[in-house]
Amino acid sequence: MTIYTPETLGYPYSLCDPNPALTLRTIEFFKWAFEDAHELGCGRVFVNSGCGLRSLPREESLKRCVDTLATICDLTEAEGIVMPLEQLQPYESNLVTTLPDVRRVLETVSSPALRVCVDLTAMEVQGETLDDYFDCFGDKVEWIHYSDSHHEAVGSGSYGREKLAGFIRTLEERDFENGIDLEINDSIYWEDPHSPHEATCRYLREELGLEG
């Protein structure tokens, strides 16, 4: 296994909730995640910002998020694990949704353990590019979430062959050797998650000429 993803969006954990007890429970949850990662022989633990309470000012929630991440990253460094931070879409989060948001968090937390996960769908929503992320973060780009538009099976969304192949071409041109996964998780696939992954692998082989 190359990356371990503890669930923080659908479960009662939060990096930015004003309740101190919930913050402590979230930090404890990540401690367990690090233990799981070691047990699985995995050197990466995935994280995103989650969403701040919509009734509170964004800056207040973002400060709590950064403070909690800094505490978790202290533990991460001690565990010898790196933590890729993913940007989310605006409907998912009011905290980290753009490249400048990611840069602000990395600069504020200032931990060598905190890296970057680029979600291609969230990137496209903001009109950003993979080159933008590599130009900004260089080898801190640790992970890529690859999919078609709306996290659909590759080849079934609106990106088209040229854009989908362009993502791969950029990774090759940047000598990217870290991790990439298929984030095929639109709600239309919940009852049958396997078929869209099979279709994606077939598209990658037959249309984009990728091996494996």
N, C-alpha and C. Protein backbone atom coordinates (compact mmCIF):
# COMPACT_ATOMS: atom_id res chain seq x y z
N MET A 1 0.85 -1.20 0.00
CA MET A 1 0.00 0.00 0.00
C MET A 1 0.88 1.25 0.00
N THR A 2 0.48 2.27 -0.76
CA THR A 2 1.32 3.47 -0.87
C THR A 2 0.73 4.70 -0.19
N ILE A 3 -0.60 4.71 0.07
CA ILE A 3 -1.20 5.83 0.78
C ILE A 3 -2.38 5.32 1.60
N TYR A 4 -2.52 5.86 2.81
CA TYR A 4 -3.62 5.48 3.70
C TYR A 4 -4.51 6.71 3.87
N THR A 5 -5.82 6.51 3.69
CA THR A 5 -6.76 7.64 3.69
C THR A 5 -7.77 7.50 4.82
N PRO A 6 -7.52 8.13 5.96
CA PRO A 6 -8.52 8.12 7.03
C PRO A 6 -9.69 9.03 6.65
N GLU A 7 -10.92 8.57 6.85
CA GLU A 7 -12.11 9.34 6.48
C GLU A 7 -12.33 10.50 7.46
N THR A 8 -12.33 11.71 6.91
CA THR A 8 -12.54 12.89 7.77
C THR A 8 -13.70 13.76 7.30
N LEU A 9 -14.32 13.44 6.18
CA LEU A 9 -15.43 14.25 5.69
C LEU A 9 -16.78 13.68 6.14
N GLY A 10 -16.90 12.35 6.14
CA GLY A 10 -18.18 11.74 6.45
C GLY A 10 -18.34 11.33 7.90
N TYR A 11 -17.27 11.42 8.68
CA TYR A 11 -17.30 10.98 10.07
C TYR A 11 -17.19 12.20 11.01
N PRO A 12 -17.46 12.01 12.29
CA PRO A 12 -17.47 13.16 13.22
C PRO A 12 -16.08 13.60 13.66
N TYR A 13 -15.27 14.01 12.70
CA TYR A 13 -13.95 14.56 12.97
C TYR A 13 -13.82 15.88 12.22
N SER A 14 -13.06 16.80 12.77
CA SER A 14 -12.91 18.10 12.13
C SER A 14 -11.60 18.74 12.57
N LEU A 15 -10.90 19.35 11.61
CA LEU A 15 -9.68 20.09 11.91
C LEU A 15 -9.97 21.50 12.41
N CYS A 16 -11.22 21.94 12.28
CA CYS A 16 -11.48 23.36 12.51
C CYS A 16 -12.71 23.65 13.37
N ASP A 17 -13.29 22.64 13.98
CA ASP A 17 -14.47 22.87 14.80
C ASP A 17 -14.09 23.66 16.06
N PRO A 18 -14.95 24.59 16.51
CA PRO A 18 -14.63 25.38 17.71
C PRO A 18 -14.68 24.58 19.01
N ASN A 19 -15.21 23.37 18.98
CA ASN A 19 -15.27 22.53 20.17
C ASN A 19 -13.91 21.88 20.42
N PRO A 20 -13.20 22.25 21.51
CA PRO A 20 -11.86 21.70 21.75
C PRO A 20 -11.87 20.17 21.87
N ALA A 21 -12.95 19.61 22.41
CA ALA A 21 -13.01 18.16 22.57
C ALA A 21 -12.99 17.47 21.21
N LEU A 22 -13.66 18.06 20.24
CA LEU A 22 -13.68 17.47 18.89
C LEU A 22 -12.31 17.58 18.23
N THR A 23 -11.62 18.69 18.48
CA THR A 23 -10.26 18.84 17.95
C THR A 23 -9.34 17.77 18.51
N LEU A 24 -9.41 17.54 19.81
CA LEU A 24 -8.57 16.52 20.44
C LEU A 24 -8.91 15.13 19.91
N ARG A 25 -10.20 14.87 19.70
CA ARG A 25 -10.60 13.57 19.17
C ARG A 25 -10.07 13.40 17.75
N THR A 26 -10.04 14.48 16.97
CA THR A 26 -9.53 14.41 15.61
C THR A 26 -8.02 14.14 15.60
N ILE A 27 -7.30 14.80 16.48
CA ILE A 27 -5.86 14.55 16.58
C ILE A 27 -5.60 13.10 16.97
N GLU A 28 -6.41 12.59 17.91
CA GLU A 28 -6.27 11.20 18.32
C GLU A 28 -6.57 10.25 17.16
N PHE A 29 -7.56 10.62 16.36
CA PHE A 29 -7.92 9.82 15.18
C PHE A 29 -6.74 9.71 14.22
N PHE A 30 -6.00 10.81 14.04
CA PHE A 30 -4.84 10.75 13.16
C PHE A 30 -3.70 9.94 13.78
N LYS A 31 -3.59 9.95 15.09
CA LYS A 31 -2.60 9.08 15.74
C LYS A 31 -2.89 7.62 15.39
N TRP A 32 -4.17 7.26 15.44
CA TRP A 32 -4.55 5.88 15.08
C TRP A 32 -4.25 5.63 13.60
N ALA A 33 -4.48 6.64 12.77
CA ALA A 33 -4.19 6.49 11.34
C ALA A 33 -2.71 6.22 11.11
N PHE A 34 -1.85 6.90 11.86
CA PHE A 34 -0.41 6.67 11.71
C PHE A 34 -0.05 5.24 12.13
N GLU A 35 -0.70 4.76 13.19
CA GLU A 35 -0.47 3.38 13.61
C GLU A 35 -0.90 2.41 12.51
N ASP A 36 -2.06 2.68 11.93
CA ASP A 36 -2.54 1.83 10.83
C ASP A 36 -1.58 1.86 9.66
N ALA A 37 -1.10 3.06 9.33
CA ALA A 37 -0.19 3.21 8.20
C ALA A 37 1.09 2.38 8.41
N HIS A 38 1.63 2.44 9.62
CA HIS A 38 2.83 1.64 9.91
C HIS A 38 2.53 0.15 9.78
N GLU A 39 1.37 -0.25 10.28
CA GLU A 39 0.99 -1.66 10.22
C GLU A 39 0.88 -2.14 8.77
N LEU A 40 0.45 -1.23 7.90
CA LEU A 40 0.28 -1.56 6.48
C LEU A 40 1.54 -1.31 5.65
N GLY A 41 2.59 -0.84 6.31
CA GLY A 41 3.82 -0.55 5.60
C GLY A 41 3.70 0.63 4.66
N CYS A 42 2.95 1.64 5.09
CA CYS A 42 2.60 2.77 4.24
C CYS A 42 3.23 4.06 4.76
N GLY A 43 3.88 4.82 3.89
CA GLY A 43 4.58 6.03 4.32
C GLY A 43 3.83 7.32 4.09
N ARG A 44 2.58 7.23 3.59
CA ARG A 44 1.79 8.44 3.35
C ARG A 44 0.43 8.31 4.04
N VAL A 45 -0.03 9.39 4.65
CA VAL A 45 -1.38 9.48 5.19
C VAL A 45 -2.04 10.72 4.59
N PHE A 46 -3.14 10.51 3.92
CA PHE A 46 -3.84 11.56 3.19
C PHE A 46 -4.63 12.47 4.13
N VAL A 47 -4.76 13.75 3.75
CA VAL A 47 -5.56 14.69 4.54
C VAL A 47 -6.17 15.75 3.63
N ASN A 48 -7.34 16.24 4.00
CA ASN A 48 -7.85 17.48 3.42
C ASN A 48 -8.37 18.36 4.55
N SER A 49 -8.73 19.58 4.21
CA SER A 49 -9.09 20.55 5.25
C SER A 49 -10.45 20.31 5.86
N GLY A 50 -11.30 19.54 5.16
CA GLY A 50 -12.69 19.49 5.59
C GLY A 50 -13.35 20.84 5.37
N CYS A 51 -14.47 21.04 6.03
CA CYS A 51 -15.24 22.27 5.85
C CYS A 51 -15.48 22.94 7.20
N GLY A 52 -15.30 24.25 7.23
CA GLY A 52 -15.62 25.00 8.44
C GLY A 52 -17.13 25.21 8.56
N LEU A 53 -17.59 25.44 9.77
CA LEU A 53 -19.00 25.73 9.98
C LEU A 53 -19.39 26.95 9.15
N ARG A 54 -20.44 26.83 8.38
CA ARG A 54 -20.84 27.91 7.47
C ARG A 54 -21.33 29.13 8.24
N SER A 55 -21.66 28.96 9.51
CA SER A 55 -22.14 30.09 10.31
C SER A 55 -21.01 30.91 10.92
N LEU A 56 -19.76 30.44 10.72
CA LEU A 56 -18.61 31.14 11.28
C LEU A 56 -17.79 31.79 10.18
N PRO A 57 -17.06 32.87 10.50
CA PRO A 57 -16.18 33.48 9.49
C PRO A 57 -15.14 32.48 8.99
N ARG A 58 -14.88 32.51 7.70
CA ARG A 58 -13.92 31.57 7.12
C ARG A 58 -12.56 31.67 7.78
N GLU A 59 -12.07 32.88 8.02
CA GLU A 59 -10.74 33.05 8.58
C GLU A 59 -10.61 32.40 9.95
N GLU A 60 -11.67 32.45 10.72
CA GLU A 60 -11.66 31.83 12.05
C GLU A 60 -11.48 30.31 11.92
N SER A 61 -12.25 29.72 11.02
CA SER A 61 -12.15 28.27 10.81
C SER A 61 -10.81 27.89 10.20
N LEU A 62 -10.31 28.70 9.27
CA LEU A 62 -9.04 28.39 8.62
C LEU A 62 -7.89 28.43 9.62
N LYS A 63 -7.93 29.37 10.55
CA LYS A 63 -6.88 29.43 11.57
C LYS A 63 -6.90 28.17 12.43
N ARG A 64 -8.08 27.73 12.82
CA ARG A 64 -8.16 26.50 13.61
C ARG A 64 -7.64 25.31 12.80
N CYS A 65 -8.00 25.27 11.53
CA CYS A 65 -7.54 24.19 10.66
C CYS A 65 -6.02 24.15 10.61
N VAL A 66 -5.41 25.30 10.39
CA VAL A 66 -3.95 25.37 10.29
C VAL A 66 -3.30 24.99 11.62
N ASP A 67 -3.86 25.47 12.73
CA ASP A 67 -3.29 25.14 14.04
C ASP A 67 -3.36 23.63 14.31
N THR A 68 -4.50 23.02 13.96
CA THR A 68 -4.64 21.58 14.18
C THR A 68 -3.71 20.80 13.26
N LEU A 69 -3.61 21.23 12.02
CA LEU A 69 -2.69 20.57 11.09
C LEU A 69 -1.24 20.66 11.59
N ALA A 70 -0.88 21.79 12.15
CA ALA A 70 0.49 21.94 12.66
C ALA A 70 0.76 20.94 13.78
N THR A 71 -0.22 20.76 14.66
CA THR A 71 -0.07 19.77 15.74
C THR A 71 0.05 18.37 15.17
N ILE A 72 -0.80 18.04 14.20
CA ILE A 72 -0.75 16.72 13.58
C ILE A 72 0.56 16.51 12.84
N CYS A 73 1.06 17.55 12.19
CA CYS A 73 2.31 17.42 11.43
C CYS A 73 3.51 17.20 12.34
N ASP A 74 3.46 17.76 13.55
CA ASP A 74 4.52 17.45 14.52
C ASP A 74 4.57 15.95 14.78
N LEU A 75 3.39 15.35 14.93
CA LEU A 75 3.32 13.91 15.12
C LEU A 75 3.75 13.17 13.86
N THR A 76 3.35 13.71 12.71
CA THR A 76 3.69 13.08 11.43
C THR A 76 5.20 13.00 11.24
N GLU A 77 5.88 14.10 11.54
CA GLU A 77 7.33 14.12 11.40
C GLU A 77 7.97 13.08 12.31
N ALA A 78 7.47 12.98 13.54
CA ALA A 78 8.03 12.01 14.49
C ALA A 78 7.81 10.58 14.03
N GLU A 79 6.72 10.36 13.27
CA GLU A 79 6.39 9.02 12.79
C GLU A 79 7.08 8.68 11.47
N GLY A 80 7.74 9.66 10.86
CA GLY A 80 8.40 9.41 9.59
C GLY A 80 7.45 9.21 8.43
N ILE A 81 6.32 9.91 8.49
CA ILE A 81 5.27 9.80 7.49
C ILE A 81 5.10 11.14 6.79
N VAL A 82 4.73 11.14 5.52
CA VAL A 82 4.40 12.39 4.84
C VAL A 82 2.89 12.45 4.64
N MET A 83 2.35 13.68 4.56
CA MET A 83 0.91 13.89 4.54
C MET A 83 0.54 14.79 3.36
N PRO A 84 0.03 14.22 2.26
CA PRO A 84 -0.42 15.05 1.14
C PRO A 84 -1.76 15.73 1.47
N LEU A 85 -1.81 17.04 1.27
CA LEU A 85 -3.01 17.84 1.51
C LEU A 85 -3.74 18.09 0.19
N GLU A 86 -4.99 17.68 0.13
CA GLU A 86 -5.80 17.84 -1.08
C GLU A 86 -6.63 19.12 -1.02
N GLN A 87 -6.74 19.79 -2.16
CA GLN A 87 -7.70 20.90 -2.26
C GLN A 87 -9.07 20.34 -2.64
N LEU A 88 -10.13 20.96 -2.14
CA LEU A 88 -11.49 20.49 -2.38
C LEU A 88 -12.24 21.46 -3.30
N GLN A 89 -13.44 21.07 -3.71
CA GLN A 89 -14.28 21.96 -4.51
C GLN A 89 -15.09 22.88 -3.59
N PRO A 90 -15.52 24.04 -4.08
CA PRO A 90 -16.24 24.99 -3.23
C PRO A 90 -17.49 24.42 -2.58
N TYR A 91 -18.17 23.47 -3.23
CA TYR A 91 -19.36 22.90 -2.60
C TYR A 91 -19.00 21.94 -1.48
N GLU A 92 -17.72 21.49 -1.45
CA GLU A 92 -17.26 20.58 -0.42
C GLU A 92 -16.65 21.31 0.77
N SER A 93 -16.09 22.47 0.54
CA SER A 93 -15.33 23.14 1.59
C SER A 93 -15.34 24.66 1.40
N ASN A 94 -15.21 25.37 2.49
CA ASN A 94 -15.02 26.82 2.44
C ASN A 94 -13.62 27.20 2.91
N LEU A 95 -12.70 26.23 2.90
CA LEU A 95 -11.37 26.48 3.46
C LEU A 95 -10.26 26.38 2.42
N VAL A 96 -9.97 25.19 1.92
CA VAL A 96 -8.86 24.99 1.00
C VAL A 96 -9.41 24.47 -0.32
N THR A 97 -9.58 25.39 -1.28
CA THR A 97 -10.18 25.04 -2.57
C THR A 97 -9.35 25.50 -3.77
N THR A 98 -8.28 26.24 -3.55
CA THR A 98 -7.48 26.79 -4.64
C THR A 98 -6.00 26.58 -4.38
N LEU A 99 -5.20 26.78 -5.42
CA LEU A 99 -3.74 26.71 -5.25
C LEU A 99 -3.25 27.73 -4.20
N PRO A 100 -3.70 28.99 -4.24
CA PRO A 100 -3.26 29.92 -3.20
C PRO A 100 -3.63 29.47 -1.79
N ASP A 101 -4.78 28.80 -1.65
CA ASP A 101 -5.16 28.27 -0.33
C ASP A 101 -4.17 27.21 0.12
N VAL A 102 -3.83 26.30 -0.79
CA VAL A 102 -2.87 25.24 -0.46
C VAL A 102 -1.53 25.86 -0.08
N ARG A 103 -1.07 26.82 -0.87
CA ARG A 103 0.22 27.47 -0.60
C ARG A 103 0.20 28.14 0.77
N ARG A 104 -0.89 28.83 1.09
CA ARG A 104 -0.99 29.51 2.39
C ARG A 104 -0.89 28.52 3.55
N VAL A 105 -1.58 27.38 3.44
CA VAL A 105 -1.54 26.40 4.51
C VAL A 105 -0.14 25.81 4.64
N LEU A 106 0.48 25.44 3.51
CA LEU A 106 1.82 24.86 3.59
C LEU A 106 2.81 25.85 4.19
N GLU A 107 2.73 27.11 3.78
CA GLU A 107 3.66 28.10 4.29
C GLU A 107 3.43 28.38 5.77
N THR A 108 2.18 28.37 6.20
CA THR A 108 1.88 28.67 7.60
C THR A 108 2.24 27.50 8.51
N VAL A 109 1.90 26.28 8.10
CA VAL A 109 2.23 25.11 8.90
C VAL A 109 3.74 24.88 8.90
N SER A 110 4.36 25.08 7.76
CA SER A 110 5.82 25.02 7.63
C SER A 110 6.39 23.71 8.16
N SER A 111 5.86 22.60 7.66
CA SER A 111 6.36 21.28 8.05
C SER A 111 6.83 20.53 6.82
N PRO A 112 8.00 19.91 6.87
CA PRO A 112 8.46 19.13 5.72
C PRO A 112 7.59 17.92 5.46
N ALA A 113 6.78 17.54 6.43
CA ALA A 113 5.90 16.38 6.26
C ALA A 113 4.65 16.70 5.46
N LEU A 114 4.27 17.98 5.38
CA LEU A 114 3.05 18.36 4.69
C LEU A 114 3.34 18.58 3.21
N ARG A 115 2.71 17.77 2.35
CA ARG A 115 2.93 17.83 0.92
C ARG A 115 1.63 18.21 0.21
N VAL A 116 1.56 17.98 -1.09
CA VAL A 116 0.43 18.43 -1.90
C VAL A 116 -0.18 17.25 -2.66
N CYS A 117 -1.50 17.12 -2.58
CA CYS A 117 -2.27 16.24 -3.44
C CYS A 117 -3.11 17.11 -4.37
N VAL A 118 -2.95 16.95 -5.66
CA VAL A 118 -3.73 17.73 -6.63
C VAL A 118 -4.93 16.91 -7.08
N ASP A 119 -6.12 17.38 -6.75
CA ASP A 119 -7.35 16.79 -7.27
C ASP A 119 -7.64 17.47 -8.61
N LEU A 120 -7.56 16.71 -9.69
CA LEU A 120 -7.69 17.32 -11.02
C LEU A 120 -9.06 17.95 -11.23
N THR A 121 -10.11 17.35 -10.67
CA THR A 121 -11.45 17.92 -10.82
C THR A 121 -11.54 19.27 -10.10
N ALA A 122 -11.08 19.32 -8.86
CA ALA A 122 -11.09 20.59 -8.12
C ALA A 122 -10.21 21.63 -8.80
N MET A 123 -9.09 21.20 -9.35
CA MET A 123 -8.19 22.08 -10.09
C MET A 123 -8.89 22.69 -11.30
N GLU A 124 -9.59 21.86 -12.07
CA GLU A 124 -10.28 22.33 -13.26
C GLU A 124 -11.41 23.30 -12.91
N VAL A 125 -12.10 23.05 -11.82
CA VAL A 125 -13.18 23.95 -11.38
C VAL A 125 -12.65 25.36 -11.16
N GLN A 126 -11.41 25.47 -10.68
CA GLN A 126 -10.82 26.77 -10.40
C GLN A 126 -10.08 27.37 -11.61
N GLY A 127 -10.06 26.65 -12.73
CA GLY A 127 -9.34 27.15 -13.90
C GLY A 127 -7.83 27.11 -13.74
N GLU A 128 -7.35 26.22 -12.88
CA GLU A 128 -5.92 26.07 -12.66
C GLU A 128 -5.39 24.92 -13.52
N THR A 129 -4.07 24.75 -13.54
CA THR A 129 -3.46 23.69 -14.33
C THR A 129 -2.45 22.92 -13.50
N LEU A 130 -2.12 21.72 -13.98
CA LEU A 130 -1.08 20.94 -13.32
C LEU A 130 0.26 21.67 -13.34
N ASP A 131 0.54 22.34 -14.44
CA ASP A 131 1.78 23.11 -14.51
C ASP A 131 1.82 24.18 -13.42
N ASP A 132 0.66 24.81 -13.14
CA ASP A 132 0.61 25.80 -12.06
C ASP A 132 1.08 25.19 -10.75
N TYR A 133 0.60 23.98 -10.46
CA TYR A 133 0.94 23.32 -9.20
C TYR A 133 2.42 22.92 -9.15
N PHE A 134 2.92 22.39 -10.26
CA PHE A 134 4.34 22.02 -10.27
C PHE A 134 5.23 23.26 -10.22
N ASP A 135 4.83 24.33 -10.90
CA ASP A 135 5.61 25.57 -10.84
C ASP A 135 5.67 26.11 -9.41
N CYS A 136 4.57 25.97 -8.68
CA CYS A 136 4.50 26.51 -7.32
C CYS A 136 5.15 25.60 -6.30
N PHE A 137 4.88 24.29 -6.39
CA PHE A 137 5.26 23.38 -5.31
C PHE A 137 6.39 22.42 -5.66
N GLY A 138 6.70 22.28 -6.94
CA GLY A 138 7.82 21.42 -7.33
C GLY A 138 7.65 20.00 -6.81
N ASP A 139 8.71 19.49 -6.15
CA ASP A 139 8.67 18.10 -5.69
C ASP A 139 7.82 17.90 -4.45
N LYS A 140 7.16 18.95 -3.97
CA LYS A 140 6.19 18.76 -2.89
C LYS A 140 4.86 18.20 -3.40
N VAL A 141 4.69 18.15 -4.73
CA VAL A 141 3.51 17.48 -5.28
C VAL A 141 3.72 15.98 -5.09
N GLU A 142 2.95 15.43 -4.16
CA GLU A 142 3.16 14.06 -3.71
C GLU A 142 2.15 13.08 -4.29
N TRP A 143 0.96 13.59 -4.67
CA TRP A 143 -0.11 12.68 -5.07
C TRP A 143 -1.04 13.38 -6.06
N ILE A 144 -1.65 12.60 -6.94
CA ILE A 144 -2.59 13.10 -7.95
C ILE A 144 -3.88 12.29 -7.89
N HIS A 145 -5.03 12.97 -7.81
CA HIS A 145 -6.33 12.33 -7.99
C HIS A 145 -6.75 12.53 -9.45
N TYR A 146 -6.73 11.43 -10.20
CA TYR A 146 -6.99 11.48 -11.65
C TYR A 146 -8.40 10.98 -11.93
N SER A 147 -9.16 11.74 -12.72
CA SER A 147 -10.50 11.32 -13.13
C SER A 147 -10.96 12.23 -14.26
N ASP A 148 -12.12 11.93 -14.79
CA ASP A 148 -12.76 12.83 -15.73
C ASP A 148 -13.56 13.86 -14.94
N SER A 149 -14.28 14.73 -15.60
CA SER A 149 -15.05 15.77 -14.93
C SER A 149 -16.03 15.16 -13.91
N HIS A 150 -16.25 15.88 -12.82
CA HIS A 150 -17.17 15.45 -11.76
C HIS A 150 -16.79 14.09 -11.17
N HIS A 151 -15.49 13.76 -11.23
CA HIS A 151 -15.00 12.48 -10.73
C HIS A 151 -15.68 11.30 -11.43
N GLU A 152 -15.91 11.47 -12.73
CA GLU A 152 -16.52 10.41 -13.52
C GLU A 152 -15.43 9.49 -14.10
N ALA A 153 -15.88 8.33 -14.57
CA ALA A 153 -14.97 7.40 -15.24
C ALA A 153 -14.26 8.12 -16.38
N VAL A 154 -12.97 7.86 -16.50
CA VAL A 154 -12.17 8.53 -17.52
C VAL A 154 -12.69 8.16 -18.91
N GLY A 155 -12.98 9.18 -19.70
CA GLY A 155 -13.51 8.98 -21.03
C GLY A 155 -15.02 9.16 -21.11
N SER A 156 -15.68 9.29 -19.95
CA SER A 156 -17.14 9.43 -19.97
C SER A 156 -17.60 10.84 -19.59
N GLY A 157 -16.67 11.69 -19.17
CA GLY A 157 -17.02 13.04 -18.78
C GLY A 157 -16.81 14.04 -19.91
N SER A 158 -16.60 15.29 -19.53
CA SER A 158 -16.53 16.36 -20.53
C SER A 158 -15.10 16.81 -20.86
N TYR A 159 -14.08 16.20 -20.23
CA TYR A 159 -12.72 16.68 -20.47
C TYR A 159 -12.23 16.39 -21.89
N GLY A 160 -12.53 15.22 -22.41
CA GLY A 160 -12.09 14.86 -23.74
C GLY A 160 -10.69 14.26 -23.75
N ARG A 161 -10.38 13.55 -24.82
CA ARG A 161 -9.13 12.82 -24.91
C ARG A 161 -7.92 13.72 -24.79
N GLU A 162 -7.95 14.89 -25.44
CA GLU A 162 -6.77 15.76 -25.45
C GLU A 162 -6.42 16.23 -24.03
N LYS A 163 -7.42 16.63 -23.26
CA LYS A 163 -7.14 17.11 -21.90
C LYS A 163 -6.69 15.96 -21.01
N LEU A 164 -7.37 14.80 -21.13
CA LEU A 164 -7.02 13.65 -20.30
C LEU A 164 -5.60 13.19 -20.60
N ALA A 165 -5.23 13.15 -21.88
CA ALA A 165 -3.87 12.79 -22.25
C ALA A 165 -2.88 13.87 -21.82
N GLY A 166 -3.34 15.12 -21.82
CA GLY A 166 -2.47 16.23 -21.41
C GLY A 166 -2.05 16.13 -19.96
N PHE A 167 -2.96 15.67 -19.10
CA PHE A 167 -2.60 15.48 -17.69
C PHE A 167 -1.44 14.50 -17.57
N ILE A 168 -1.55 13.37 -18.28
CA ILE A 168 -0.49 12.35 -18.25
C ILE A 168 0.80 12.90 -18.83
N ARG A 169 0.68 13.65 -19.93
CA ARG A 169 1.87 14.20 -20.57
C ARG A 169 2.60 15.16 -19.62
N THR A 170 1.85 15.98 -18.88
CA THR A 170 2.48 16.89 -17.93
C THR A 170 3.21 16.13 -16.84
N LEU A 171 2.62 15.06 -16.33
CA LEU A 171 3.29 14.25 -15.31
C LEU A 171 4.59 13.66 -15.85
N GLU A 172 4.57 13.24 -17.11
CA GLU A 172 5.79 12.69 -17.71
C GLU A 172 6.83 13.78 -17.90
N GLU A 173 6.41 14.94 -18.38
CA GLU A 173 7.35 16.04 -18.61
C GLU A 173 7.96 16.54 -17.30
N ARG A 174 7.21 16.43 -16.22
CA ARG A 174 7.70 16.86 -14.90
C ARG A 174 8.42 15.75 -14.15
N ASP A 175 8.62 14.61 -14.81
CA ASP A 175 9.31 13.46 -14.19
C ASP A 175 8.66 13.09 -12.87
N PHE A 176 7.33 13.09 -12.86
CA PHE A 176 6.59 12.78 -11.64
C PHE A 176 6.69 11.30 -11.34
N GLU A 177 7.20 10.95 -10.16
CA GLU A 177 7.39 9.56 -9.78
C GLU A 177 6.71 9.24 -8.46
N ASN A 178 5.85 10.13 -7.99
CA ASN A 178 5.13 9.86 -6.75
C ASN A 178 3.81 9.14 -7.07
N GLY A 179 2.75 9.40 -6.34
CA GLY A 179 1.56 8.59 -6.47
C GLY A 179 0.43 9.21 -7.28
N ILE A 180 -0.33 8.34 -7.94
CA ILE A 180 -1.51 8.76 -8.68
C ILE A 180 -2.58 7.69 -8.49
N ASP A 181 -3.83 8.11 -8.28
CA ASP A 181 -4.90 7.13 -8.17
C ASP A 181 -6.08 7.56 -9.03
N LEU A 182 -7.04 6.65 -9.18
CA LEU A 182 -8.27 6.94 -9.92
C LEU A 182 -9.34 7.31 -8.89
N GLU A 183 -9.72 8.58 -8.86
CA GLU A 183 -10.77 9.00 -7.93
C GLU A 183 -12.10 9.03 -8.68
N ILE A 184 -12.62 7.84 -8.91
CA ILE A 184 -13.87 7.68 -9.67
C ILE A 184 -14.98 7.49 -8.63
N ASN A 185 -15.56 8.58 -8.15
CA ASN A 185 -16.48 8.45 -7.01
C ASN A 185 -17.73 9.31 -7.13
N ASP A 186 -18.16 9.62 -8.35
CA ASP A 186 -19.43 10.31 -8.49
C ASP A 186 -20.56 9.44 -7.92
N SER A 187 -21.57 10.07 -7.38
CA SER A 187 -22.65 9.32 -6.73
C SER A 187 -23.37 8.37 -7.68
N ILE A 188 -23.27 8.59 -8.98
CA ILE A 188 -23.93 7.69 -9.93
C ILE A 188 -23.31 6.30 -9.91
N TYR A 189 -22.13 6.17 -9.30
CA TYR A 189 -21.44 4.88 -9.27
C TYR A 189 -21.58 4.15 -7.93
N TRP A 190 -22.28 4.70 -6.99
CA TRP A 190 -22.28 4.11 -5.66
C TRP A 190 -22.80 2.68 -5.63
N GLU A 191 -23.77 2.36 -6.47
CA GLU A 191 -24.32 1.01 -6.46
C GLU A 191 -23.45 0.00 -7.22
N ASP A 192 -22.55 0.51 -8.03
CA ASP A 192 -21.67 -0.37 -8.80
C ASP A 192 -20.34 0.33 -9.01
N PRO A 193 -19.49 0.33 -7.99
CA PRO A 193 -18.23 1.08 -8.10
C PRO A 193 -17.18 0.40 -8.97
N HIS A 194 -17.35 -0.88 -9.28
CA HIS A 194 -16.29 -1.60 -10.00
C HIS A 194 -16.32 -1.34 -11.51
N SER A 195 -17.50 -1.29 -12.08
CA SER A 195 -17.60 -1.12 -13.53
C SER A 195 -16.94 0.15 -14.04
N PRO A 196 -17.13 1.33 -13.39
CA PRO A 196 -16.46 2.53 -13.90
C PRO A 196 -14.94 2.47 -13.81
N HIS A 197 -14.42 1.73 -12.82
CA HIS A 197 -12.97 1.57 -12.75
C HIS A 197 -12.47 0.67 -13.87
N GLU A 198 -13.23 -0.39 -14.17
CA GLU A 198 -12.86 -1.25 -15.30
C GLU A 198 -12.89 -0.46 -16.61
N ALA A 199 -13.93 0.38 -16.76
CA ALA A 199 -14.05 1.18 -17.99
C ALA A 199 -12.91 2.18 -18.09
N THR A 200 -12.51 2.75 -16.96
CA THR A 200 -11.40 3.70 -16.95
C THR A 200 -10.10 3.02 -17.35
N CYS A 201 -9.83 1.85 -16.77
CA CYS A 201 -8.59 1.14 -17.12
C CYS A 201 -8.57 0.77 -18.60
N ARG A 202 -9.72 0.37 -19.12
CA ARG A 202 -9.82 0.03 -20.54
C ARG A 202 -9.54 1.27 -21.39
N TYR A 203 -10.09 2.43 -21.00
CA TYR A 203 -9.87 3.67 -21.75
C TYR A 203 -8.39 4.07 -21.71
N LEU A 204 -7.77 3.94 -20.55
CA LEU A 204 -6.36 4.31 -20.43
C LEU A 204 -5.49 3.44 -21.34
N ARG A 205 -5.82 2.16 -21.44
CA ARG A 205 -5.04 1.26 -22.29
C ARG A 205 -5.32 1.48 -23.77
N GLU A 206 -6.61 1.54 -24.11
CA GLU A 206 -6.99 1.53 -25.53
C GLU A 206 -6.96 2.91 -26.17
N GLU A 207 -7.32 3.94 -25.41
CA GLU A 207 -7.39 5.29 -25.97
C GLU A 207 -6.12 6.11 -25.71
N LEU A 208 -5.53 5.94 -24.53
CA LEU A 208 -4.35 6.73 -24.21
C LEU A 208 -3.05 5.93 -24.33
N GLY A 209 -3.18 4.63 -24.57
CA GLY A 209 -2.01 3.80 -24.81
C GLY A 209 -1.14 3.57 -23.61
N LEU A 210 -1.74 3.59 -22.40
CA LEU A 210 -0.97 3.35 -21.18
C LEU A 210 -0.94 1.88 -20.85
N GLU A 211 0.17 1.40 -20.36
CA GLU A 211 0.32 -0.01 -20.01
C GLU A 211 -0.08 -0.21 -18.55
N GLY A 212 -0.37 -1.47 -18.21
CA GLY A 212 -0.64 -1.81 -16.82
C GLY A 212 -2.12 -1.87 -16.52
